[in-house]
C-alpha atoms as a PDB file:
ATOM      1  CA  MET A   1     104.865 -39.367  23.280  1.00  0.00           C
ATOM      2  CA  LEU A   2     108.213 -41.158  23.465  1.00  0.00           C
ATOM      3  CA  VAL A   3     109.579 -41.435  20.027  1.00  0.00           C
ATOM      4  CA  LEU A   4     112.170 -44.356  19.822  1.00  0.00           C
ATOM      5  CA  VAL A   5     114.410 -44.096  17.053  1.00  0.00           C
ATOM      6  CA  VAL A   6     115.976 -47.438  15.983  1.00  0.00           C
ATOM      7  CA  GLY A   7     117.702 -48.884  12.956  1.00  0.00           C
ATOM      8  CA  PRO A   8     120.853 -50.920  11.854  1.00  0.00           C
ATOM      9  CA  SER A   9     124.270 -49.505  12.231  1.00  0.00           C
ATOM     10  CA  GLY A  10     125.072 -47.433   9.201  1.00  0.00           C
ATOM     11  CA  ALA A  11     121.493 -46.408   8.541  1.00  0.00           C
ATOM     12  CA  GLY A  12     122.467 -42.689   9.666  1.00  0.00           C
ATOM     13  CA  LYS A  13     120.517 -42.374  12.849  1.00  0.00           C
ATOM     14  CA  ASP A  14     122.959 -40.054  14.388  1.00  0.00           C
ATOM     15  CA  THR A  15     123.141 -37.905  11.357  1.00  0.00           C
ATOM     16  CA  LEU A  16     119.219 -37.558  11.151  1.00  0.00           C
ATOM     17  CA  LEU A  17     118.954 -36.972  14.963  1.00  0.00           C
ATOM     18  CA  ASN A  18     121.646 -34.245  14.798  1.00  0.00           C
ATOM     19  CA  ALA A  19     119.988 -32.546  11.939  1.00  0.00           C
ATOM     20  CA  ALA A  20     116.561 -32.696  13.785  1.00  0.00           C
ATOM     21  CA  ARG A  21     117.997 -31.352  16.670  1.00  0.00           C
ATOM     22  CA  ARG A  22     119.262 -28.449  15.040  1.00  0.00           C
ATOM     23  CA  ALA A  23     116.194 -27.947  13.045  1.00  0.00           C
ATOM     24  CA  LEU A  24     114.021 -28.039  16.067  1.00  0.00           C
ATOM     25  CA  ALA A  25     116.106 -26.041  18.495  1.00  0.00           C
ATOM     26  CA  GLY A  26     113.918 -23.904  20.446  1.00  0.00           C
ATOM     27  CA  ASP A  27     110.811 -26.048  19.586  1.00  0.00           C
ATOM     28  CA  ALA A  28     109.246 -26.661  23.024  1.00  0.00           C
ATOM     29  CA  ARG A  29     107.260 -29.543  21.756  1.00  0.00           C
ATOM     30  CA  PHE A  30     110.296 -31.630  21.519  1.00  0.00           C
ATOM     31  CA  ARG A  31     113.226 -33.093  23.804  1.00  0.00           C
ATOM     32  CA  PHE A  32     116.045 -35.010  22.191  1.00  0.00           C
ATOM     33  CA  VAL A  33     117.410 -37.067  25.101  1.00  0.00           C
ATOM     34  CA  ARG A  34     121.282 -37.564  25.545  1.00  0.00           C
ATOM     35  CA  ARG A  35     122.060 -41.076  26.231  1.00  0.00           C
ATOM     36  CA  VAL A  36     124.147 -42.333  29.119  1.00  0.00           C
ATOM     37  CA  ILE A  37     126.848 -44.780  28.083  1.00  0.00           C
ATOM     38  CA  THR A  38     129.568 -46.501  29.728  1.00  0.00           C
ATOM     39  CA  ARG A  39     131.914 -45.242  26.966  1.00  0.00           C
ATOM     40  CA  PRO A  40     134.664 -42.709  27.161  1.00  0.00           C
ATOM     41  CA  ALA A  41     133.434 -39.331  25.691  1.00  0.00           C
ATOM     42  CA  GLU A  42     136.360 -38.842  23.397  1.00  0.00           C
ATOM     43  CA  SER A  43     135.699 -42.179  21.892  1.00  0.00           C
ATOM     44  CA  GLY A  44     133.810 -40.844  18.923  1.00  0.00           C
ATOM     45  CA  GLY A  45     130.319 -41.007  17.585  1.00  0.00           C
ATOM     46  CA  GLU A  46     127.391 -39.525  19.251  1.00  0.00           C
ATOM     47  CA  ASP A  47     127.348 -36.880  21.936  1.00  0.00           C
ATOM     48  CA  HIS A  48     126.568 -38.782  24.910  1.00  0.00           C
ATOM     49  CA  GLU A  49     127.010 -38.530  28.796  1.00  0.00           C
ATOM     50  CA  ALA A  50     130.261 -40.769  29.448  1.00  0.00           C
ATOM     51  CA  VAL A  51     130.052 -42.673  32.793  1.00  0.00           C
ATOM     52  CA  THR A  52     131.896 -45.487  34.576  1.00  0.00           C
ATOM     53  CA  GLU A  53     130.087 -48.853  35.154  1.00  0.00           C
ATOM     54  CA  ALA A  54     129.716 -48.078  39.066  1.00  0.00           C
ATOM     55  CA  GLN A  55     128.153 -44.606  38.050  1.00  0.00           C
ATOM     56  CA  PHE A  56     125.827 -46.243  35.718  1.00  0.00           C
ATOM     57  CA  VAL A  57     124.639 -48.737  38.117  1.00  0.00           C
ATOM     58  CA  ALA A  58     124.059 -45.972  40.629  1.00  0.00           C
ATOM     59  CA  ARG A  59     121.601 -44.041  38.366  1.00  0.00           C
ATOM     60  CA  ASN A  60     117.954 -44.289  37.922  1.00  0.00           C
ATOM     61  CA  PHE A  61     116.898 -44.728  34.101  1.00  0.00           C
ATOM     62  CA  ALA A  62     113.507 -44.853  32.272  1.00  0.00           C
ATOM     63  CA  LEU A  63     115.085 -47.336  30.064  1.00  0.00           C
ATOM     64  CA  HIS A  64     118.422 -49.171  29.842  1.00  0.00           C
ATOM     65  CA  TRP A  65     120.299 -51.995  28.054  1.00  0.00           C
ATOM     66  CA  GLN A  66     123.539 -53.716  26.880  1.00  0.00           C
ATOM     67  CA  ALA A  67     124.973 -53.862  23.686  1.00  0.00           C
ATOM     68  CA  HIS A  68     128.493 -54.371  22.263  1.00  0.00           C
ATOM     69  CA  GLY A  69     129.997 -54.633  25.677  1.00  0.00           C
ATOM     70  CA  LEU A  70     128.524 -51.315  26.927  1.00  0.00           C
ATOM     71  CA  ARG A  71     125.537 -50.106  28.953  1.00  0.00           C
ATOM     72  CA  TYR A  72     123.072 -47.431  27.644  1.00  0.00           C
ATOM     73  CA  GLY A  73     120.541 -45.560  29.619  1.00  0.00           C
ATOM     74  CA  ILE A  74     117.689 -43.164  28.943  1.00  0.00           C
ATOM     75  CA  PRO A  75     117.307 -40.889  32.063  1.00  0.00           C
ATOM     76  CA  ALA A  76     114.437 -41.252  34.273  1.00  0.00           C
ATOM     77  CA  ASP A  77     113.483 -37.441  34.045  1.00  0.00           C
ATOM     78  CA  ILE A  78     111.939 -38.101  30.523  1.00  0.00           C
ATOM     79  CA  ALA A  79     108.718 -39.024  32.655  1.00  0.00           C
ATOM     80  CA  THR A  80     108.205 -35.348  33.519  1.00  0.00           C
ATOM     81  CA  ASP A  81     108.417 -34.239  30.053  1.00  0.00           C
ATOM     82  CA  LEU A  82     106.267 -36.971  28.874  1.00  0.00           C
ATOM     83  CA  ALA A  83     103.517 -35.958  31.448  1.00  0.00           C
ATOM     84  CA  SER A  84     103.657 -32.520  30.273  1.00  0.00           C
ATOM     85  CA  GLY A  85     103.127 -33.297  26.716  1.00  0.00           C
ATOM     86  CA  VAL A  86     106.566 -32.923  25.397  1.00  0.00           C
ATOM     87  CA  VAL A  87     107.481 -35.497  22.517  1.00  0.00           C
ATOM     88  CA  VAL A  88     110.664 -36.931  23.927  1.00  0.00           C
ATOM     89  CA  VAL A  89     113.076 -38.482  21.288  1.00  0.00           C
ATOM     90  CA  ALA A  90     115.531 -41.163  21.954  1.00  0.00           C
ATOM     91  CA  ASN A  91     117.871 -43.279  19.917  1.00  0.00           C
ATOM     92  CA  VAL A  92     117.441 -46.776  21.462  1.00  0.00           C
ATOM     93  CA  SER A  93     117.995 -50.381  20.839  1.00  0.00           C
ATOM     94  CA  ARG A  94     115.255 -52.475  19.371  1.00  0.00           C
ATOM     95  CA  ALA A  95     115.696 -54.752  22.450  1.00  0.00           C
ATOM     96  CA  VAL A  96     114.066 -52.173  24.768  1.00  0.00           C
ATOM     97  CA  VAL A  97     111.082 -51.188  22.468  1.00  0.00           C
ATOM     98  CA  ALA A  98     108.673 -53.879  23.834  1.00  0.00           C
ATOM     99  CA  GLU A  99     109.466 -52.823  27.478  1.00  0.00           C
ATOM    100  CA  ALA A 100     109.111 -49.208  26.651  1.00  0.00           C
ATOM    101  CA  ALA A 101     105.679 -49.705  24.967  1.00  0.00           C
ATOM    102  CA  THR A 102     104.362 -51.216  28.242  1.00  0.00           C
ATOM    103  CA  ARG A 103     105.382 -48.068  30.236  1.00  0.00           C
ATOM    104  CA  PHE A 104     105.067 -45.148  27.940  1.00  0.00           C
ATOM    105  CA  HIS A 105     102.992 -44.133  24.881  1.00  0.00           C
ATOM    106  CA  VAL A 106     105.581 -44.789  22.095  1.00  0.00           C
ATOM    107  CA  LYS A 107     105.901 -44.518  18.490  1.00  0.00           C
ATOM    108  CA  VAL A 108     108.872 -46.127  16.835  1.00  0.00           C
ATOM    109  CA  VAL A 109     110.697 -44.446  13.891  1.00  0.00           C
ATOM    110  CA  GLU A 110     113.008 -46.836  12.259  1.00  0.00           C
ATOM    111  CA  VAL A 111     115.757 -45.275  10.233  1.00  0.00           C
ATOM    112  CA  THR A 112     117.054 -47.748   7.390  1.00  0.00           C
ATOM    113  CA  ALA A 113     118.681 -47.865   4.006  1.00  0.00           C
ATOM    114  CA  PRO A 114     119.190 -50.629   1.449  1.00  0.00           C
ATOM    115  CA  PRO A 115     121.894 -53.363   2.476  1.00  0.00           C
ATOM    116  CA  ARG A 116     124.000 -52.172   0.021  1.00  0.00           C
ATOM    117  CA  ILE A 117     124.256 -48.705   1.290  1.00  0.00           C
ATOM    118  CA  LEU A 118     124.503 -49.819   4.844  1.00  0.00           C
ATOM    119  CA  ALA A 119     127.326 -52.060   4.046  1.00  0.00           C
ATOM    120  CA  GLU A 120     129.343 -49.143   2.162  1.00  0.00           C
ATOM    121  CA  ARG A 121     128.826 -46.854   5.130  1.00  0.00           C
ATOM    122  CA  LEU A 122     130.030 -49.471   7.807  1.00  0.00           C
ATOM    123  CA  ALA A 123     133.219 -50.131   5.543  1.00  0.00           C
ATOM    124  CA  MET A 124     133.799 -46.301   5.432  1.00  0.00           C
ATOM    125  CA  ARG A 125     133.943 -46.241   9.242  1.00  0.00           C
ATOM    126  CA  GLY A 126     136.684 -48.644   9.152  1.00  0.00           C
ATOM    127  CA  ARG A 127     136.027 -50.458  12.555  1.00  0.00           C
ATOM    128  CA  GLU A 128     134.855 -53.884  11.324  1.00  0.00           C
ATOM    129  CA  THR A 129     135.889 -56.540   8.872  1.00  0.00           C
ATOM    130  CA  ALA A 130     133.754 -57.561   5.945  1.00  0.00           C
ATOM    131  CA  ALA A 131     132.791 -60.468   7.631  1.00  0.00           C
ATOM    132  CA  ASP A 132     131.735 -58.385  10.867  1.00  0.00           C
ATOM    133  CA  ILE A 133     129.764 -55.983   8.637  1.00  0.00           C
ATOM    134  CA  ALA A 134     128.088 -59.264   6.910  1.00  0.00           C
ATOM    135  CA  ALA A 135     127.169 -60.539  10.296  1.00  0.00           C
ATOM    136  CA  ARG A 136     125.796 -57.302  11.500  1.00  0.00           C
ATOM    137  CA  LEU A 137     123.532 -56.737   8.510  1.00  0.00           C
ATOM    138  CA  ALA A 138     122.222 -60.481   8.714  1.00  0.00           C
ATOM    139  CA  ARG A 139     120.852 -59.638  12.408  1.00  0.00           C
ATOM    140  CA  SER A 140     117.431 -59.005  12.606  1.00  0.00           C
ATOM    141  CA  VAL A 141     115.097 -58.136  15.607  1.00  0.00           C
ATOM    142  CA  PRO A 142     111.488 -58.524  14.900  1.00  0.00           C
ATOM    143  CA  PRO A 143     109.278 -55.505  16.089  1.00  0.00           C
ATOM    144  CA  PRO A 144     106.902 -56.091  19.119  1.00  0.00           C
ATOM    145  CA  GLU A 145     103.261 -56.432  18.418  1.00  0.00           C
ATOM    146  CA  ASN A 146     100.874 -53.380  18.786  1.00  0.00           C
ATOM    147  CA  VAL A 147     103.742 -50.784  18.348  1.00  0.00           C
ATOM    148  CA  VAL A 148     103.338 -48.138  15.637  1.00  0.00           C
ATOM    149  CA  ILE A 149     106.481 -48.175  13.622  1.00  0.00           C
ATOM    150  CA  GLU A 150     107.086 -45.485  10.967  1.00  0.00           C
ATOM    151  CA  THR A 151     110.045 -46.159   8.413  1.00  0.00           C
ATOM    152  CA  VAL A 152     112.228 -43.370   7.244  1.00  0.00           C
ATOM    153  CA  LEU A 153     114.459 -44.413   4.274  1.00  0.00           C
ATOM    154  CA  ASN A 154     117.918 -42.881   4.662  1.00  0.00           C
ATOM    155  CA  ASP A 155     119.128 -43.713   0.976  1.00  0.00           C
ATOM    156  CA  ALA A 156     119.857 -40.121  -0.386  1.00  0.00           C
ATOM    157  CA  THR A 157     121.585 -37.106   0.721  1.00  0.00           C
ATOM    158  CA  PRO A 158     121.740 -36.192   4.375  1.00  0.00           C
ATOM    159  CA  GLU A 159     119.359 -33.191   3.569  1.00  0.00           C
ATOM    160  CA  ILE A 160     116.736 -35.562   2.002  1.00  0.00           C
ATOM    161  CA  GLY A 161     117.186 -38.061   5.073  1.00  0.00           C
ATOM    162  CA  ALA A 162     116.737 -35.117   7.464  1.00  0.00           C
ATOM    163  CA  ALA A 163     113.675 -33.793   5.800  1.00  0.00           C
ATOM    164  CA  ARG A 164     111.944 -37.279   5.960  1.00  0.00           C
ATOM    165  CA  PHE A 165     113.033 -37.797   9.635  1.00  0.00           C
ATOM    166  CA  LEU A 166     111.712 -34.327  10.446  1.00  0.00           C
ATOM    167  CA  ALA A 167     108.501 -35.018   8.904  1.00  0.00           C
ATOM    168  CA  ALA A 168     108.024 -38.357  10.754  1.00  0.00           C
ATOM    169  CA  LEU A 169     108.848 -36.294  13.985  1.00  0.00           C
ATOM    170  CA  ASN A 170     106.266 -33.779  13.227  1.00  0.00           C
ATOM    171  CA  ARG A 171     103.655 -36.362  12.421  1.00  0.00           C
ATOM    172  CA  ALA A 172     104.415 -37.882  16.001  1.00  0.00           C
ATOM    173  CA  ALA A 173     103.927 -34.473  17.647  1.00  0.00           C
ATOM    174  CA  SER A 174     100.539 -34.051  15.911  1.00  0.00           C
ATOM    175  CA  ASP A 175      99.723 -37.722  16.962  1.00  0.00           C
ATOM    176  CA  ALA A 176     100.647 -36.970  20.367  1.00  0.00           C
ATOM    177  CA  ARG A 177      98.189 -34.010  20.632  1.00  0.00           C
ATOM    178  CA  ARG A 178      95.136 -36.114  19.714  1.00  0.00           C
END
């Protein structure tokens, strides 16, 4: 099963993914995908494989998309893991969920928080104006039909959010075995 992690900026996806990666280290049921991004490695944010535009175009990806002036990709080698029964966990854009669902057995885990909390978290980053934050929070991408979505509310401590996220991943692993 391919678990697609989605959610608005400020929801805490990277925090929860990092906590789950640590908690499930050595658990052969899971693979956490490292995204390939046309963004310098030292730019902060998530750990990713930094590539140039030319390097990106030369690669083979299972999924890829563009957002915020950057290109993102999920390596094609996930197909091998999926075929062997591994639950592959990938942070993706909602824009690729429908495509992924036509090619893989997917479950979507949406990490979210109330708008007030999202706005506070985005403001703490200091990368956007209040108007940019309001516009970002107003964006909405409807989920595709026939895709299982589980929502993880990340509105408390990082430990509580991580426990909720881990529970969702373990449910996905159980579902994949059926």
